[in-house]
Amino acid sequence: MPQERVLPNGTRVDCITDHLAIEVDWTHKWAEAIGQSLLYAATTEKLPAIILVCKVNPAGCLKHEYLISEAVAYWKLPITVWMCMPSDLALSECSRRDY
């Protein structure tokens, strides 16, 4: 997956695919990740996506997963979210949710 790219508006999208503009961040930055992914998607005309990485505490990370789920579902945002735990070694091992 191609890594960080500078966009015409000066922002930096973490990853970009043919269809997705992806923000990668720690789970406690879930709210910031929503805004960044929406901006990157609008700028690139791609769909927004987020990869949230759990640092250490799975219980705390699950709380963040609930909060992002609640916000995204309420506003009906078309975002794909991966939740990656410390033991996940590849994106395919992370839990994926398409909203």
Protein backbone atom coordinates (compact mmCIF):
# COMPACT_ATOMS: atom_id res chain seq x y z
CA MET A 1 0.00 0.00 0.00
CA PRO A 2 1.54 3.35 -1.01
CA GLN A 3 2.52 5.48 1.96
CA GLU A 4 2.23 9.17 2.87
CA ARG A 5 1.56 11.58 0.06
CA VAL A 6 1.41 15.38 0.11
CA LEU A 7 -1.90 16.60 -1.32
CA PRO A 8 -2.44 19.80 -3.36
CA ASN A 9 -3.83 21.59 -0.25
CA GLY A 10 -0.60 20.86 1.67
CA THR A 11 -2.03 18.13 3.92
CA ARG A 12 -0.51 14.66 4.08
CA VAL A 13 -2.61 11.55 3.63
CA ASP A 14 -1.02 8.53 5.35
CA CYS A 15 -1.95 5.90 2.75
CA ILE A 16 -3.80 5.98 -0.53
CA THR A 17 -5.22 3.21 -2.70
CA ASP A 18 -7.26 3.23 -5.90
CA HIS A 19 -10.44 3.75 -3.86
CA LEU A 20 -9.44 4.86 -0.34
CA ALA A 21 -7.75 7.80 1.38
CA ILE A 22 -6.54 6.36 4.70
CA GLU A 23 -5.67 8.07 7.98
CA VAL A 24 -3.56 5.99 10.40
CA ASP A 25 -3.52 6.93 14.08
CA TRP A 26 -3.62 5.69 17.66
CA THR A 27 -7.06 4.71 18.94
CA HIS A 28 -7.22 7.61 21.41
CA LYS A 29 -7.08 9.98 18.43
CA TRP A 30 -10.25 8.49 16.89
CA ALA A 31 -12.12 11.82 16.68
CA GLU A 32 -9.22 13.59 14.95
CA ALA A 33 -8.92 10.64 12.56
CA ILE A 34 -12.53 11.08 11.41
CA GLY A 35 -11.94 14.69 10.39
CA GLN A 36 -8.64 13.98 8.70
CA SER A 37 -10.00 11.02 6.74
CA LEU A 38 -12.96 13.09 5.51
CA LEU A 39 -10.67 15.91 4.37
CA TYR A 40 -8.28 13.53 2.60
CA ALA A 41 -11.19 11.78 0.90
CA ALA A 42 -12.68 15.07 -0.29
CA THR A 43 -9.31 16.27 -1.58
CA THR A 44 -8.54 13.03 -3.44
CA GLU A 45 -12.13 12.19 -4.49
CA LYS A 46 -11.73 8.79 -2.81
CA LEU A 47 -13.60 7.12 0.04
CA PRO A 48 -12.49 7.89 3.62
CA ALA A 49 -10.87 5.16 5.70
CA ILE A 50 -9.16 4.93 9.08
CA ILE A 51 -6.68 2.49 10.59
CA LEU A 52 -6.71 2.80 14.38
CA VAL A 53 -3.76 1.24 16.20
CA CYS A 54 -4.08 0.14 19.83
CA LYS A 55 -0.89 0.95 21.77
CA VAL A 56 -1.19 -1.34 24.78
CA ASN A 57 -4.51 -1.45 26.65
CA PRO A 58 -7.12 -3.45 24.70
CA ALA A 59 -9.92 -2.40 27.09
CA GLY A 60 -9.24 1.28 26.45
CA CYS A 61 -8.97 0.65 22.74
CA LEU A 62 -12.35 -1.08 22.71
CA LYS A 63 -13.85 2.03 24.32
CA HIS A 64 -12.38 4.13 21.51
CA GLU A 65 -13.76 1.65 18.97
CA TYR A 66 -17.22 2.10 20.49
CA LEU A 67 -16.92 5.90 20.38
CA ILE A 68 -15.87 6.03 16.73
CA SER A 69 -18.61 3.56 15.86
CA GLU A 70 -21.21 5.69 17.63
CA ALA A 71 -20.13 8.92 15.91
CA VAL A 72 -19.77 7.42 12.43
CA ALA A 73 -23.10 5.58 12.64
CA TYR A 74 -24.98 8.62 13.96
CA TRP A 75 -23.77 10.86 11.14
CA LYS A 76 -24.02 8.03 8.57
CA LEU A 77 -20.46 8.61 7.40
CA PRO A 78 -19.26 6.23 4.66
CA ILE A 79 -16.01 5.34 6.42
CA THR A 80 -14.13 2.05 6.62
CA VAL A 81 -12.42 1.55 9.99
CA TRP A 82 -9.80 -1.04 10.88
CA MET A 83 -9.10 -1.61 14.58
CA CYS A 84 -5.63 -3.07 15.06
CA MET A 85 -4.60 -4.60 18.38
CA PRO A 86 -0.96 -4.88 19.57
CA SER A 87 -0.86 -8.54 18.50
CA ASP A 88 -2.00 -7.82 14.91
CA LEU A 89 0.96 -8.07 12.55
CA ALA A 90 -0.86 -7.34 9.28
CA LEU A 91 -3.89 -5.30 8.28
CA SER A 92 -5.70 -8.53 7.42
CA GLU A 93 -5.52 -9.47 11.12
CA CYS A 94 -7.22 -6.24 12.24
CA SER A 95 -10.99 -6.05 12.65
CA ARG A 96 -12.61 -4.17 9.77
CA ARG A 97 -15.94 -2.37 9.82
CA ASP A 98 -17.54 -0.68 6.82
CA TYR A 99 -20.08 1.98 7.73
